[in-house]
Amino acid sequence: MGGRNQELALSVALNLKDSEECVIASFSTDGVDGPTDASLVAEYHL
């Protein structure tokens, strides 16, 4: 359950979990991104 940005970030995180170098940031500016209080998801691997 979550919005499009949460879906994008989780999908990328799962697909690139074995990557040694990965940066992704997903955020929304429309004020509504699903039914949770989360407004930003970031995945960082270097």
C-alpha atoms as a PDB file:
ATOM      1  CA  MET A   1       0.000   0.000   0.000  1.00  0.00           C
ATOM      2  CA  GLY A   2       1.445   3.339  -0.985  1.00  0.00           C
ATOM      3  CA  GLY A   3       1.691   5.809  -3.784  1.00  0.00           C
ATOM      4  CA  ARG A   4       3.468   5.751  -7.117  1.00  0.00           C
ATOM      5  CA  ASN A   5       6.751   7.053  -5.703  1.00  0.00           C
ATOM      6  CA  GLN A   6       6.869   4.432  -2.982  1.00  0.00           C
ATOM      7  CA  GLU A   7       6.185   1.759  -5.612  1.00  0.00           C
ATOM      8  CA  LEU A   8       8.961   3.120  -7.851  1.00  0.00           C
ATOM      9  CA  ALA A   9      11.532   3.356  -5.057  1.00  0.00           C
ATOM     10  CA  LEU A  10      10.780  -0.115  -3.690  1.00  0.00           C
ATOM     11  CA  SER A  11      10.859  -1.651  -7.169  1.00  0.00           C
ATOM     12  CA  VAL A  12      14.238  -0.091  -7.945  1.00  0.00           C
ATOM     13  CA  ALA A  13      15.607  -1.050  -4.521  1.00  0.00           C
ATOM     14  CA  LEU A  14      14.583  -4.682  -5.005  1.00  0.00           C
ATOM     15  CA  ASN A  15      15.858  -4.885  -8.582  1.00  0.00           C
ATOM     16  CA  LEU A  16      19.197  -3.229  -7.822  1.00  0.00           C
ATOM     17  CA  LYS A  17      19.809  -4.685  -4.355  1.00  0.00           C
ATOM     18  CA  ASP A  18      22.997  -6.411  -5.526  1.00  0.00           C
ATOM     19  CA  SER A  19      24.330  -3.332  -7.298  1.00  0.00           C
ATOM     20  CA  GLU A  20      27.468  -1.884  -5.765  1.00  0.00           C
ATOM     21  CA  GLU A  21      26.729   1.677  -6.901  1.00  0.00           C
ATOM     22  CA  CYS A  22      23.172   2.932  -6.863  1.00  0.00           C
ATOM     23  CA  VAL A  23      21.411   6.169  -5.969  1.00  0.00           C
ATOM     24  CA  ILE A  24      17.677   6.783  -6.282  1.00  0.00           C
ATOM     25  CA  ALA A  25      15.428   9.477  -4.903  1.00  0.00           C
ATOM     26  CA  SER A  26      11.680   9.484  -5.380  1.00  0.00           C
ATOM     27  CA  PHE A  27       9.429  12.289  -4.221  1.00  0.00           C
ATOM     28  CA  SER A  28       6.122  13.911  -5.026  1.00  0.00           C
ATOM     29  CA  THR A  29       5.067  17.529  -5.331  1.00  0.00           C
ATOM     30  CA  ASP A  30       1.319  16.992  -5.639  1.00  0.00           C
ATOM     31  CA  GLY A  31       0.761  16.753  -1.885  1.00  0.00           C
ATOM     32  CA  VAL A  32      -0.725  13.243  -1.946  1.00  0.00           C
ATOM     33  CA  ASP A  33       1.331  10.096  -2.342  1.00  0.00           C
ATOM     34  CA  GLY A  34      -0.688   7.269  -0.913  1.00  0.00           C
ATOM     35  CA  PRO A  35      -2.260   6.771   2.509  1.00  0.00           C
ATOM     36  CA  THR A  36       0.965   6.954   4.559  1.00  0.00           C
ATOM     37  CA  ASP A  37       2.876   9.794   6.218  1.00  0.00           C
ATOM     38  CA  ALA A  38       5.992   8.981   4.162  1.00  0.00           C
ATOM     39  CA  SER A  39       6.803  11.718   1.665  1.00  0.00           C
ATOM     40  CA  LEU A  40      10.289  10.678   0.514  1.00  0.00           C
ATOM     41  CA  VAL A  41      12.032   7.403  -0.103  1.00  0.00           C
ATOM     42  CA  ALA A  42      15.745   7.332  -0.842  1.00  0.00           C
ATOM     43  CA  GLU A  43      18.000   4.391  -1.586  1.00  0.00           C
ATOM     44  CA  TYR A  44      21.758   4.969  -1.440  1.00  0.00           C
ATOM     45  CA  HIS A  45      24.546   2.473  -2.147  1.00  0.00           C
ATOM     46  CA  LEU A  46      28.108   3.497  -2.963  1.00  0.00           C
END
